[in-house]
Amino acid sequence: MPRTVDHAQRRAEIADAVARVAARDGLHAVTIRAVAAEVGSSLRLVQYYFPSKAELLIGTLHRLEQLSHQRWQQRLADLPVPPPARALIEAFFAEALPTDDVSRAFHLIGTSYAVLAMTDPDLAQHPFIAGIDRLEAHIAQALSRALASGEVSAGLDVETEATRLVMLAHGLGTSVLIGQHSPATATAVLDYHLNQLFDSPTARTSAGSGHRTNLDPG
């Protein structure tokens, strides 16, 4: 009997190869031919799953987004459900900073995709921005819970703060990616901001009871 082909696994293997090429050689080196060589398959096989470079990048972004979300959830696995707002945001920051091959590739491809999408209509049609919107909404929900429990200032605009946190993480991530700042420096900046954000009477009481930050970019 002919062997059953796992198409989802094939697509994942190709996307992983794209990430390796991009992380090692830069996004300019990502071609269908280079990816075929990296995955050890034929050019025709890669084109069967991803007929164009645009689709190749989109498929890889989907794959890296899924992996990043799984890693984020793993960081929260030992916490209550829903997790405390600060812990959830710290876990997001730890995952967002490009400190290993997977996170560096995700940040590199995501940033490069955003630039290319400005002039490439095929890329611009992809709902990548919707993923960022969902992320901001998720953080806003956590901040709303923190607002209700008195962990943050009563005047906090949770939607604006969620947007600021995502923008801060992306900006610092880019500075780490290009070597402008170290992960330790970026982590210190994020920690400084969170200390201000959660500097309410309730938060200070928690700090006096032994609260410790958990910004671990590793």
N, C-alpha and C. Protein backbone atom coordinates (compact mmCIF):
# COMPACT_ATOMS: atom_id res chain seq x y z
N MET A 1 0.83 -1.20 0.00
CA MET A 1 0.00 0.00 0.00
C MET A 1 0.88 1.26 0.00
N PRO A 2 0.46 2.28 -0.74
CA PRO A 2 1.25 3.51 -0.75
C PRO A 2 1.21 4.18 0.62
N ARG A 3 2.33 4.80 0.96
CA ARG A 3 2.42 5.46 2.26
C ARG A 3 1.56 6.72 2.28
N THR A 4 0.83 6.92 3.37
CA THR A 4 0.01 8.11 3.51
C THR A 4 0.90 9.31 3.81
N VAL A 5 0.70 10.38 3.06
CA VAL A 5 1.51 11.57 3.22
C VAL A 5 0.85 12.49 4.24
N ASP A 6 1.61 12.92 5.22
CA ASP A 6 1.13 13.87 6.22
C ASP A 6 1.43 15.27 5.68
N HIS A 7 0.44 15.88 5.04
CA HIS A 7 0.68 17.16 4.39
C HIS A 7 0.99 18.26 5.40
N ALA A 8 0.33 18.22 6.54
CA ALA A 8 0.60 19.23 7.57
C ALA A 8 2.04 19.14 8.05
N GLN A 9 2.54 17.92 8.21
CA GLN A 9 3.92 17.72 8.65
C GLN A 9 4.89 18.20 7.58
N ARG A 10 4.58 17.93 6.31
CA ARG A 10 5.44 18.40 5.22
C ARG A 10 5.53 19.92 5.21
N ARG A 11 4.38 20.58 5.36
CA ARG A 11 4.35 22.04 5.37
C ARG A 11 5.16 22.59 6.55
N ALA A 12 5.03 21.92 7.70
CA ALA A 12 5.77 22.36 8.88
C ALA A 12 7.28 22.20 8.67
N GLU A 13 7.69 21.09 8.06
CA GLU A 13 9.11 20.87 7.80
C GLU A 13 9.68 21.93 6.86
N ILE A 14 8.91 22.29 5.85
CA ILE A 14 9.36 23.31 4.91
C ILE A 14 9.44 24.67 5.61
N ALA A 15 8.43 24.99 6.41
CA ALA A 15 8.43 26.26 7.13
C ALA A 15 9.61 26.33 8.10
N ASP A 16 9.91 25.22 8.76
CA ASP A 16 11.06 25.19 9.67
C ASP A 16 12.36 25.42 8.90
N ALA A 17 12.43 24.90 7.69
CA ALA A 17 13.62 25.11 6.86
C ALA A 17 13.76 26.59 6.48
N VAL A 18 12.64 27.23 6.18
CA VAL A 18 12.66 28.67 5.88
C VAL A 18 13.22 29.44 7.07
N ALA A 19 12.74 29.09 8.26
CA ALA A 19 13.20 29.78 9.47
C ALA A 19 14.70 29.59 9.68
N ARG A 20 15.20 28.40 9.42
CA ARG A 20 16.64 28.15 9.59
C ARG A 20 17.45 28.97 8.60
N VAL A 21 17.02 29.00 7.35
CA VAL A 21 17.74 29.76 6.33
C VAL A 21 17.73 31.25 6.67
N ALA A 22 16.56 31.76 7.07
CA ALA A 22 16.45 33.18 7.40
C ALA A 22 17.30 33.54 8.61
N ALA A 23 17.27 32.70 9.64
CA ALA A 23 18.05 32.99 10.84
C ALA A 23 19.54 32.90 10.58
N ARG A 24 19.95 32.00 9.71
CA ARG A 24 21.37 31.79 9.45
C ARG A 24 21.93 32.76 8.41
N ASP A 25 21.17 32.97 7.32
CA ASP A 25 21.71 33.70 6.17
C ASP A 25 20.98 35.01 5.87
N GLY A 26 19.86 35.28 6.56
CA GLY A 26 19.10 36.49 6.29
C GLY A 26 17.93 36.20 5.36
N LEU A 27 16.92 37.07 5.44
CA LEU A 27 15.71 36.83 4.66
C LEU A 27 15.95 36.91 3.16
N HIS A 28 16.95 37.70 2.75
CA HIS A 28 17.24 37.81 1.32
C HIS A 28 17.68 36.47 0.72
N ALA A 29 18.19 35.57 1.58
CA ALA A 29 18.67 34.28 1.10
C ALA A 29 17.55 33.25 0.98
N VAL A 30 16.35 33.60 1.42
CA VAL A 30 15.22 32.66 1.37
C VAL A 30 14.65 32.63 -0.04
N THR A 31 14.97 31.59 -0.76
CA THR A 31 14.39 31.32 -2.07
C THR A 31 13.82 29.91 -2.04
N ILE A 32 12.96 29.62 -2.96
CA ILE A 32 12.38 28.27 -3.01
C ILE A 32 13.49 27.24 -3.23
N ARG A 33 14.46 27.59 -4.04
CA ARG A 33 15.56 26.65 -4.30
C ARG A 33 16.40 26.43 -3.03
N ALA A 34 16.70 27.53 -2.30
CA ALA A 34 17.49 27.40 -1.07
C ALA A 34 16.75 26.59 -0.01
N VAL A 35 15.45 26.79 0.06
CA VAL A 35 14.65 26.06 1.05
C VAL A 35 14.58 24.58 0.68
N ALA A 36 14.46 24.28 -0.61
CA ALA A 36 14.44 22.88 -1.05
C ALA A 36 15.74 22.19 -0.66
N ALA A 37 16.86 22.90 -0.83
CA ALA A 37 18.15 22.32 -0.46
C ALA A 37 18.24 22.12 1.06
N GLU A 38 17.71 23.07 1.82
CA GLU A 38 17.77 22.98 3.28
C GLU A 38 16.93 21.82 3.80
N VAL A 39 15.77 21.61 3.21
CA VAL A 39 14.89 20.56 3.70
C VAL A 39 15.25 19.20 3.10
N GLY A 40 16.10 19.22 2.07
CA GLY A 40 16.51 17.98 1.43
C GLY A 40 15.46 17.38 0.53
N SER A 41 14.74 18.24 -0.19
CA SER A 41 13.68 17.76 -1.08
C SER A 41 13.84 18.43 -2.44
N SER A 42 12.95 18.09 -3.34
CA SER A 42 13.00 18.67 -4.67
C SER A 42 12.37 20.05 -4.70
N LEU A 43 12.77 20.82 -5.69
CA LEU A 43 12.17 22.14 -5.90
C LEU A 43 10.67 22.02 -6.14
N ARG A 44 10.29 20.99 -6.87
CA ARG A 44 8.87 20.79 -7.20
C ARG A 44 8.05 20.52 -5.95
N LEU A 45 8.61 19.78 -5.00
CA LEU A 45 7.86 19.48 -3.78
C LEU A 45 7.57 20.75 -2.98
N VAL A 46 8.58 21.61 -2.84
CA VAL A 46 8.38 22.87 -2.11
C VAL A 46 7.33 23.71 -2.81
N GLN A 47 7.40 23.78 -4.15
CA GLN A 47 6.44 24.57 -4.91
C GLN A 47 5.03 23.98 -4.85
N TYR A 48 4.93 22.69 -4.63
CA TYR A 48 3.62 22.07 -4.49
C TYR A 48 2.89 22.64 -3.27
N TYR A 49 3.62 22.82 -2.18
CA TYR A 49 3.02 23.33 -0.95
C TYR A 49 3.00 24.85 -0.90
N PHE A 50 4.03 25.47 -1.46
CA PHE A 50 4.14 26.93 -1.45
C PHE A 50 4.56 27.41 -2.84
N PRO A 51 3.59 27.70 -3.70
CA PRO A 51 3.91 28.04 -5.10
C PRO A 51 4.73 29.30 -5.29
N SER A 52 4.71 30.21 -4.33
CA SER A 52 5.44 31.47 -4.48
C SER A 52 6.19 31.79 -3.20
N LYS A 53 7.13 32.75 -3.31
CA LYS A 53 7.88 33.16 -2.12
C LYS A 53 6.95 33.81 -1.11
N ALA A 54 5.96 34.56 -1.59
CA ALA A 54 5.01 35.20 -0.69
C ALA A 54 4.29 34.14 0.16
N GLU A 55 3.82 33.07 -0.48
CA GLU A 55 3.13 32.01 0.26
C GLU A 55 4.08 31.27 1.19
N LEU A 56 5.34 31.18 0.78
CA LEU A 56 6.35 30.55 1.62
C LEU A 56 6.53 31.35 2.91
N LEU A 57 6.61 32.67 2.80
CA LEU A 57 6.78 33.52 3.97
C LEU A 57 5.53 33.49 4.85
N ILE A 58 4.37 33.53 4.22
CA ILE A 58 3.12 33.50 4.98
C ILE A 58 2.99 32.19 5.76
N GLY A 59 3.28 31.08 5.09
CA GLY A 59 3.21 29.78 5.76
C GLY A 59 4.19 29.69 6.91
N THR A 60 5.38 30.26 6.73
CA THR A 60 6.38 30.23 7.80
C THR A 60 5.95 31.09 8.97
N LEU A 61 5.36 32.25 8.69
CA LEU A 61 4.85 33.10 9.77
C LEU A 61 3.78 32.38 10.58
N HIS A 62 2.88 31.68 9.90
CA HIS A 62 1.86 30.89 10.60
C HIS A 62 2.53 29.88 11.53
N ARG A 63 3.51 29.18 11.01
CA ARG A 63 4.19 28.15 11.78
C ARG A 63 4.91 28.75 12.99
N LEU A 64 5.65 29.84 12.79
CA LEU A 64 6.38 30.45 13.89
C LEU A 64 5.45 31.07 14.93
N GLU A 65 4.33 31.60 14.45
CA GLU A 65 3.34 32.16 15.38
C GLU A 65 2.77 31.06 16.27
N GLN A 66 2.48 29.90 15.69
CA GLN A 66 1.97 28.77 16.46
C GLN A 66 2.99 28.31 17.50
N LEU A 67 4.26 28.19 17.07
CA LEU A 67 5.30 27.76 18.00
C LEU A 67 5.49 28.76 19.13
N SER A 68 5.47 30.05 18.79
CA SER A 68 5.63 31.08 19.80
C SER A 68 4.50 31.04 20.81
N HIS A 69 3.27 30.83 20.33
CA HIS A 69 2.12 30.76 21.22
C HIS A 69 2.25 29.55 22.15
N GLN A 70 2.70 28.42 21.61
CA GLN A 70 2.88 27.23 22.43
C GLN A 70 3.93 27.46 23.52
N ARG A 71 5.03 28.13 23.13
CA ARG A 71 6.09 28.41 24.11
C ARG A 71 5.59 29.37 25.18
N TRP A 72 4.79 30.34 24.79
CA TRP A 72 4.21 31.29 25.74
C TRP A 72 3.33 30.54 26.74
N GLN A 73 2.49 29.63 26.24
CA GLN A 73 1.62 28.86 27.11
C GLN A 73 2.41 27.96 28.05
N GLN A 74 3.52 27.43 27.57
CA GLN A 74 4.36 26.59 28.42
C GLN A 74 4.94 27.39 29.59
N ARG A 75 5.26 28.64 29.34
CA ARG A 75 5.78 29.50 30.41
C ARG A 75 4.73 29.76 31.48
N LEU A 76 3.45 29.64 31.10
CA LEU A 76 2.35 29.92 32.03
C LEU A 76 1.75 28.64 32.63
N ALA A 77 2.30 27.49 32.27
CA ALA A 77 1.67 26.21 32.58
C ALA A 77 1.49 25.99 34.08
N ASP A 78 2.39 26.49 34.92
CA ASP A 78 2.32 26.23 36.35
C ASP A 78 1.56 27.31 37.13
N LEU A 79 0.96 28.25 36.41
CA LEU A 79 0.26 29.36 37.06
C LEU A 79 -1.24 29.10 37.07
N PRO A 80 -1.99 29.82 37.91
CA PRO A 80 -3.45 29.66 37.93
C PRO A 80 -4.05 30.08 36.59
N VAL A 81 -5.29 29.68 36.35
CA VAL A 81 -6.02 30.06 35.14
C VAL A 81 -7.23 30.91 35.55
N PRO A 82 -7.33 32.17 35.07
CA PRO A 82 -6.34 32.85 34.24
C PRO A 82 -5.11 33.25 35.06
N PRO A 83 -3.95 33.38 34.42
CA PRO A 83 -2.74 33.73 35.16
C PRO A 83 -2.78 35.19 35.61
N PRO A 84 -2.03 35.54 36.65
CA PRO A 84 -1.93 36.94 37.05
C PRO A 84 -1.45 37.79 35.88
N ALA A 85 -1.95 39.02 35.80
CA ALA A 85 -1.66 39.87 34.66
C ALA A 85 -0.16 40.09 34.47
N ARG A 86 0.54 40.38 35.55
CA ARG A 86 1.97 40.65 35.41
C ARG A 86 2.72 39.41 34.93
N ALA A 87 2.37 38.26 35.45
CA ALA A 87 3.03 37.03 35.02
C ALA A 87 2.78 36.76 33.54
N LEU A 88 1.55 37.01 33.09
CA LEU A 88 1.23 36.80 31.68
C LEU A 88 2.04 37.74 30.80
N ILE A 89 2.16 38.99 31.20
CA ILE A 89 2.91 39.98 30.41
C ILE A 89 4.40 39.66 30.44
N GLU A 90 4.91 39.25 31.59
CA GLU A 90 6.32 38.88 31.68
C GLU A 90 6.63 37.69 30.77
N ALA A 91 5.72 36.72 30.73
CA ALA A 91 5.91 35.56 29.86
C ALA A 91 5.88 35.98 28.39
N PHE A 92 5.00 36.92 28.06
CA PHE A 92 4.96 37.44 26.69
C PHE A 92 6.28 38.11 26.34
N PHE A 93 6.80 38.95 27.23
CA PHE A 93 8.06 39.63 26.97
C PHE A 93 9.21 38.62 26.81
N ALA A 94 9.24 37.63 27.68
CA ALA A 94 10.31 36.62 27.61
C ALA A 94 10.27 35.88 26.28
N GLU A 95 9.08 35.63 25.76
CA GLU A 95 8.93 34.95 24.49
C GLU A 95 9.19 35.88 23.32
N ALA A 96 8.85 37.18 23.48
CA ALA A 96 8.95 38.12 22.36
C ALA A 96 10.39 38.52 22.05
N LEU A 97 11.25 38.53 23.06
CA LEU A 97 12.63 38.94 22.81
C LEU A 97 13.36 37.86 21.99
N PRO A 98 14.08 38.26 20.95
CA PRO A 98 14.78 37.28 20.09
C PRO A 98 16.08 36.80 20.73
N THR A 99 15.97 35.77 21.54
CA THR A 99 17.13 35.30 22.30
C THR A 99 17.59 33.90 21.90
N ASP A 100 16.87 33.23 21.01
CA ASP A 100 17.32 31.94 20.51
C ASP A 100 16.96 31.85 19.03
N ASP A 101 17.29 30.73 18.38
CA ASP A 101 17.10 30.62 16.94
C ASP A 101 15.64 30.78 16.53
N VAL A 102 14.72 30.16 17.30
CA VAL A 102 13.31 30.21 16.94
C VAL A 102 12.75 31.63 17.07
N SER A 103 13.00 32.25 18.22
CA SER A 103 12.46 33.59 18.44
C SER A 103 13.14 34.62 17.53
N ARG A 104 14.44 34.42 17.24
CA ARG A 104 15.13 35.34 16.32
C ARG A 104 14.54 35.23 14.91
N ALA A 105 14.29 34.01 14.48
CA ALA A 105 13.71 33.82 13.15
C ALA A 105 12.33 34.43 13.06
N PHE A 106 11.52 34.24 14.11
CA PHE A 106 10.17 34.79 14.12
C PHE A 106 10.21 36.31 14.03
N HIS A 107 11.08 36.92 14.83
CA HIS A 107 11.18 38.38 14.83
C HIS A 107 11.71 38.88 13.49
N LEU A 108 12.72 38.22 12.97
CA LEU A 108 13.31 38.63 11.71
C LEU A 108 12.30 38.54 10.57
N ILE A 109 11.64 37.40 10.45
CA ILE A 109 10.68 37.21 9.36
C ILE A 109 9.47 38.12 9.54
N GLY A 110 9.00 38.26 10.78
CA GLY A 110 7.85 39.12 11.02
C GLY A 110 8.13 40.57 10.68
N THR A 111 9.31 41.06 11.09
CA THR A 111 9.68 42.45 10.79
C THR A 111 9.88 42.65 9.29
N SER A 112 10.57 41.71 8.67
CA SER A 112 10.82 41.82 7.24
C SER A 112 9.52 41.72 6.45
N TYR A 113 8.63 40.85 6.92
CA TYR A 113 7.33 40.72 6.26
C TYR A 113 6.58 42.06 6.28
N ALA A 114 6.60 42.73 7.45
CA ALA A 114 5.89 44.00 7.57
C ALA A 114 6.43 45.03 6.58
N VAL A 115 7.75 45.04 6.40
CA VAL A 115 8.36 45.99 5.45
C VAL A 115 7.99 45.62 4.02
N LEU A 116 8.07 44.34 3.68
CA LEU A 116 7.75 43.91 2.32
C LEU A 116 6.28 44.13 1.99
N ALA A 117 5.42 43.96 3.00
CA ALA A 117 3.98 44.09 2.77
C ALA A 117 3.58 45.51 2.37
N MET A 118 4.45 46.48 2.66
CA MET A 118 4.15 47.86 2.30
C MET A 118 4.12 48.07 0.79
N THR A 119 4.86 47.22 0.06
CA THR A 119 4.95 47.39 -1.39
C THR A 119 4.52 46.15 -2.17
N ASP A 120 4.24 45.06 -1.48
CA ASP A 120 3.86 43.81 -2.15
C ASP A 120 2.39 43.52 -1.86
N PRO A 121 1.50 43.67 -2.83
CA PRO A 121 0.07 43.45 -2.58
C PRO A 121 -0.27 42.03 -2.16
N ASP A 122 0.52 41.04 -2.63
CA ASP A 122 0.26 39.66 -2.24
C ASP A 122 0.46 39.47 -0.73
N LEU A 123 1.51 40.09 -0.20
CA LEU A 123 1.78 39.99 1.23
C LEU A 123 0.81 40.85 2.04
N ALA A 124 0.45 41.99 1.48
CA ALA A 124 -0.42 42.91 2.21
C ALA A 124 -1.80 42.32 2.46
N GLN A 125 -2.22 41.34 1.65
CA GLN A 125 -3.54 40.73 1.82
C GLN A 125 -3.58 39.74 2.97
N HIS A 126 -2.41 39.35 3.48
CA HIS A 126 -2.38 38.36 4.55
C HIS A 126 -2.75 38.99 5.89
N PRO A 127 -3.62 38.35 6.68
CA PRO A 127 -4.08 38.95 7.93
C PRO A 127 -3.07 38.82 9.07
N PHE A 128 -1.80 39.13 8.82
CA PHE A 128 -0.78 39.05 9.87
C PHE A 128 -1.06 40.08 10.95
N ILE A 129 -1.52 41.28 10.51
CA ILE A 129 -1.82 42.33 11.47
C ILE A 129 -2.91 41.88 12.44
N ALA A 130 -3.84 41.04 11.96
CA ALA A 130 -4.92 40.56 12.83
C ALA A 130 -4.34 39.79 14.02
N GLY A 131 -3.22 39.10 13.80
CA GLY A 131 -2.59 38.37 14.90
C GLY A 131 -2.08 39.32 15.98
N ILE A 132 -1.53 40.47 15.55
CA ILE A 132 -1.07 41.48 16.51
C ILE A 132 -2.26 42.07 17.26
N ASP A 133 -3.35 42.29 16.53
CA ASP A 133 -4.56 42.82 17.18
C ASP A 133 -5.07 41.84 18.25
N ARG A 134 -5.04 40.54 17.94
CA ARG A 134 -5.48 39.54 18.92
C ARG A 134 -4.57 39.54 20.14
N LEU A 135 -3.28 39.71 19.91
CA LEU A 135 -2.32 39.76 21.02
C LEU A 135 -2.61 40.95 21.93
N GLU A 136 -2.84 42.11 21.33
CA GLU A 136 -3.15 43.29 22.12
C GLU A 136 -4.45 43.09 22.92
N ALA A 137 -5.44 42.48 22.30
CA ALA A 137 -6.71 42.24 22.98
C ALA A 137 -6.51 41.28 24.16
N HIS A 138 -5.65 40.28 23.98
CA HIS A 138 -5.38 39.31 25.04
C HIS A 138 -4.73 40.01 26.24
N ILE A 139 -3.76 40.87 25.96
CA ILE A 139 -3.09 41.60 27.04
C ILE A 139 -4.04 42.59 27.69
N ALA A 140 -4.89 43.23 26.88
CA ALA A 140 -5.88 44.17 27.42
C ALA A 140 -6.83 43.47 28.39
N GLN A 141 -7.21 42.24 28.08
CA GLN A 141 -8.08 41.49 28.98
C GLN A 141 -7.39 41.23 30.31
N ALA A 142 -6.10 40.88 30.25
CA ALA A 142 -5.34 40.65 31.48
C ALA A 142 -5.23 41.93 32.30
N LEU A 143 -5.01 43.05 31.62
CA LEU A 143 -4.92 44.34 32.33
C LEU A 143 -6.27 44.74 32.93
N SER A 144 -7.33 44.38 32.26
CA SER A 144 -8.67 44.67 32.81
C SER A 144 -8.87 43.93 34.12
N ARG A 145 -8.41 42.68 34.18
CA ARG A 145 -8.51 41.93 35.43
C ARG A 145 -7.65 42.58 36.51
N ALA A 146 -6.46 43.05 36.11
CA ALA A 146 -5.58 43.71 37.07
C ALA A 146 -6.19 45.01 37.56
N LEU A 147 -6.88 45.70 36.67
CA LEU A 147 -7.56 46.95 37.04
C LEU A 147 -8.67 46.68 38.06
N ALA A 148 -9.42 45.63 37.82
CA ALA A 148 -10.52 45.29 38.73
C ALA A 148 -10.02 44.87 40.10
N SER A 149 -8.83 44.26 40.17
CA SER A 149 -8.29 43.79 41.45
C SER A 149 -7.41 44.82 42.14
N GLY A 150 -7.23 45.98 41.51
CA GLY A 150 -6.44 47.04 42.13
C GLY A 150 -4.94 46.87 41.96
N GLU A 151 -4.51 46.03 41.04
CA GLU A 151 -3.07 45.82 40.84
C GLU A 151 -2.44 46.95 40.05
N VAL A 152 -3.25 47.71 39.31
CA VAL A 152 -2.75 48.83 38.53
C VAL A 152 -3.58 50.07 38.86
N SER A 153 -3.12 51.22 38.40
CA SER A 153 -3.79 52.47 38.70
C SER A 153 -5.23 52.47 38.17
N ALA A 154 -6.13 53.09 38.95
CA ALA A 154 -7.54 53.12 38.59
C ALA A 154 -7.78 53.89 37.29
N GLY A 155 -6.85 54.77 36.90
CA GLY A 155 -7.03 55.56 35.69
C GLY A 155 -6.42 54.94 34.44
N LEU A 156 -5.99 53.69 34.53
CA LEU A 156 -5.30 53.07 33.40
C LEU A 156 -6.24 52.84 32.22
N ASP A 157 -5.80 53.23 31.03
CA ASP A 157 -6.50 52.91 29.78
C ASP A 157 -5.93 51.58 29.30
N VAL A 158 -6.65 50.50 29.52
CA VAL A 158 -6.09 49.17 29.29
C VAL A 158 -5.78 48.91 27.82
N GLU A 159 -6.61 49.42 26.91
CA GLU A 159 -6.36 49.18 25.49
C GLU A 159 -5.12 49.93 25.02
N THR A 160 -4.97 51.18 25.45
CA THR A 160 -3.78 51.94 25.07
C THR A 160 -2.53 51.32 25.67
N GLU A 161 -2.62 50.88 26.92
CA GLU A 161 -1.46 50.26 27.57
C GLU A 161 -1.09 48.94 26.89
N ALA A 162 -2.08 48.15 26.48
CA ALA A 162 -1.79 46.90 25.79
C ALA A 162 -1.05 47.17 24.49
N THR A 163 -1.49 48.19 23.76
CA THR A 163 -0.80 48.56 22.52
C THR A 163 0.62 49.01 22.82
N ARG A 164 0.80 49.81 23.86
CA ARG A 164 2.13 50.28 24.22
C ARG A 164 3.05 49.12 24.59
N LEU A 165 2.55 48.15 25.33
CA LEU A 165 3.37 47.01 25.72
C LEU A 165 3.83 46.20 24.51
N VAL A 166 2.91 45.97 23.56
CA VAL A 166 3.28 45.22 22.36
C VAL A 166 4.29 46.00 21.54
N MET A 167 4.09 47.31 21.40
CA MET A 167 5.03 48.14 20.64
C MET A 167 6.39 48.19 21.33
N LEU A 168 6.39 48.26 22.65
CA LEU A 168 7.63 48.27 23.41
C LEU A 168 8.40 46.97 23.20
N ALA A 169 7.68 45.85 23.28
CA ALA A 169 8.32 44.55 23.08
C ALA A 169 8.90 44.43 21.68
N HIS A 170 8.15 44.87 20.67
CA HIS A 170 8.63 44.78 19.30
C HIS A 170 9.83 45.67 19.08
N GLY A 171 9.78 46.91 19.60
CA GLY A 171 10.91 47.82 19.41
C GLY A 171 12.16 47.33 20.09
N LEU A 172 12.04 46.87 21.32
CA LEU A 172 13.20 46.35 22.02
C LEU A 172 13.70 45.06 21.38
N GLY A 173 12.76 44.26 20.87
CA GLY A 173 13.16 43.04 20.19
C GLY A 173 14.02 43.34 18.97
N THR A 174 13.64 44.36 18.22
CA THR A 174 14.43 44.75 17.05
C THR A 174 15.81 45.25 17.47
N SER A 175 15.88 46.00 18.57
CA SER A 175 17.18 46.50 19.02
C SER A 175 18.10 45.36 19.44
N VAL A 176 17.51 44.29 20.01
CA VAL A 176 18.30 43.11 20.35
C VAL A 176 18.73 42.37 19.09
N LEU A 177 17.82 42.28 18.13
CA LEU A 177 18.10 41.55 16.90
C LEU A 177 19.27 42.15 16.14
N ILE A 178 19.35 43.49 16.10
CA ILE A 178 20.42 44.15 15.34
C ILE A 178 21.67 44.39 16.17
N GLY A 179 21.64 43.99 17.44
CA GLY A 179 22.81 44.12 18.29
C GLY A 179 22.96 45.46 18.96
N GLN A 180 21.94 46.31 18.91
CA GLN A 180 22.02 47.61 19.56
C GLN A 180 22.02 47.47 21.08
N HIS A 181 21.18 46.57 21.58
CA HIS A 181 21.11 46.32 23.01
C HIS A 181 21.17 44.82 23.27
N SER A 182 21.59 44.46 24.46
CA SER A 182 21.64 43.05 24.84
C SER A 182 20.27 42.63 25.37
N PRO A 183 20.00 41.32 25.39
CA PRO A 183 18.75 40.85 26.02
C PRO A 183 18.62 41.30 27.46
N ALA A 184 19.75 41.35 28.18
CA ALA A 184 19.70 41.78 29.58
C ALA A 184 19.25 43.23 29.70
N THR A 185 19.75 44.09 28.81
CA THR A 185 19.35 45.49 28.84
C THR A 185 17.87 45.64 28.49
N ALA A 186 17.43 44.92 27.46
CA ALA A 186 16.02 44.98 27.06
C ALA A 186 15.13 44.50 28.20
N THR A 187 15.53 43.43 28.86
CA THR A 187 14.77 42.89 29.98
C THR A 187 14.68 43.90 31.11
N ALA A 188 15.79 44.61 31.38
CA ALA A 188 15.79 45.61 32.44
C ALA A 188 14.83 46.76 32.12
N VAL A 189 14.77 47.16 30.85
CA VAL A 189 13.85 48.23 30.44
C VAL A 189 12.40 47.78 30.62
N LEU A 190 12.11 46.56 30.19
CA LEU A 190 10.76 46.03 30.33
C LEU A 190 10.37 45.90 31.81
N ASP A 191 11.30 45.43 32.60
CA ASP A 191 11.05 45.28 34.03
C ASP A 191 10.79 46.64 34.67
N TYR A 192 11.54 47.65 34.27
CA TYR A 192 11.36 49.01 34.79
C TYR A 192 9.95 49.51 34.48
N HIS A 193 9.50 49.26 33.25
CA HIS A 193 8.17 49.70 32.87
C HIS A 193 7.09 48.96 33.66
N LEU A 194 7.25 47.67 33.83
CA LEU A 194 6.25 46.90 34.58
C LEU A 194 6.20 47.32 36.04
N ASN A 195 7.36 47.67 36.61
CA ASN A 195 7.36 48.14 37.99
C ASN A 195 6.54 49.42 38.13
N GLN A 196 6.61 50.29 37.12
CA GLN A 196 5.80 51.51 37.14
C GLN A 196 4.32 51.19 36.90
N LEU A 197 4.07 50.29 35.97
CA LEU A 197 2.70 49.95 35.61
C LEU A 197 1.95 49.34 36.79
N PHE A 198 2.63 48.47 37.53
CA PHE A 198 1.98 47.77 38.63
C PHE A 198 2.27 48.43 39.99
N ASP A 199 2.68 49.70 39.96
CA ASP A 199 2.98 50.42 41.19
C ASP A 199 1.71 51.05 41.76
N SER A 200 0.80 50.20 42.22
CA SER A 200 -0.41 50.64 42.91
C SER A 200 -0.32 50.18 44.36
N PRO A 201 -1.18 50.67 45.23
CA PRO A 201 -1.12 50.20 46.63
C PRO A 201 -1.15 48.68 46.75
N THR A 202 -2.01 48.03 45.95
CA THR A 202 -2.10 46.57 45.99
C THR A 202 -0.80 45.94 45.52
N ALA A 203 -0.24 46.50 44.42
CA ALA A 203 0.99 45.93 43.88
C ALA A 203 2.14 46.10 44.85
N ARG A 204 2.20 47.28 45.55
CA ARG A 204 3.29 47.50 46.49
C ARG A 204 3.17 46.55 47.68
N THR A 205 1.93 46.25 48.09
CA THR A 205 1.73 45.28 49.16
C THR A 205 2.24 43.91 48.75
N SER A 206 1.93 43.54 47.49
CA SER A 206 2.40 42.25 46.98
C SER A 206 3.91 42.21 46.93
N ALA A 207 4.52 43.35 46.52
CA ALA A 207 5.98 43.40 46.44
C ALA A 207 6.59 43.23 47.82
N GLY A 208 5.95 43.85 48.85
CA GLY A 208 6.48 43.72 50.19
C GLY A 208 6.33 42.32 50.73
N SER A 209 5.46 41.53 50.11
CA SER A 209 5.25 40.15 50.56
C SER A 209 6.16 39.17 49.85
N GLY A 210 7.07 39.71 49.00
CA GLY A 210 8.03 38.82 48.36
C GLY A 210 7.82 38.64 46.88
N HIS A 211 7.06 39.56 46.22
CA HIS A 211 6.87 39.45 44.77
C HIS A 211 8.20 39.61 44.07
N ARG A 212 8.47 38.76 43.12
CA ARG A 212 9.68 38.85 42.31
C ARG A 212 9.28 38.84 40.85
N THR A 213 10.06 39.57 40.05
CA THR A 213 9.79 39.54 38.63
C THR A 213 10.29 38.25 38.02
N ASN A 214 9.78 37.94 36.84
CA ASN A 214 10.12 36.67 36.21
C ASN A 214 10.41 36.87 34.74
N LEU A 215 11.11 37.96 34.43
CA LEU A 215 11.45 38.22 33.03
C LEU A 215 12.67 37.39 32.66
N ASP A 216 12.44 36.24 32.16
CA ASP A 216 13.51 35.32 31.78
C ASP A 216 13.51 35.17 30.27
N PRO A 217 14.42 35.89 29.57
CA PRO A 217 14.40 35.82 28.10
C PRO A 217 15.00 34.55 27.56
N GLY A 218 15.49 33.67 28.44
CA GLY A 218 16.13 32.47 27.92
C GLY A 218 15.17 31.37 27.58
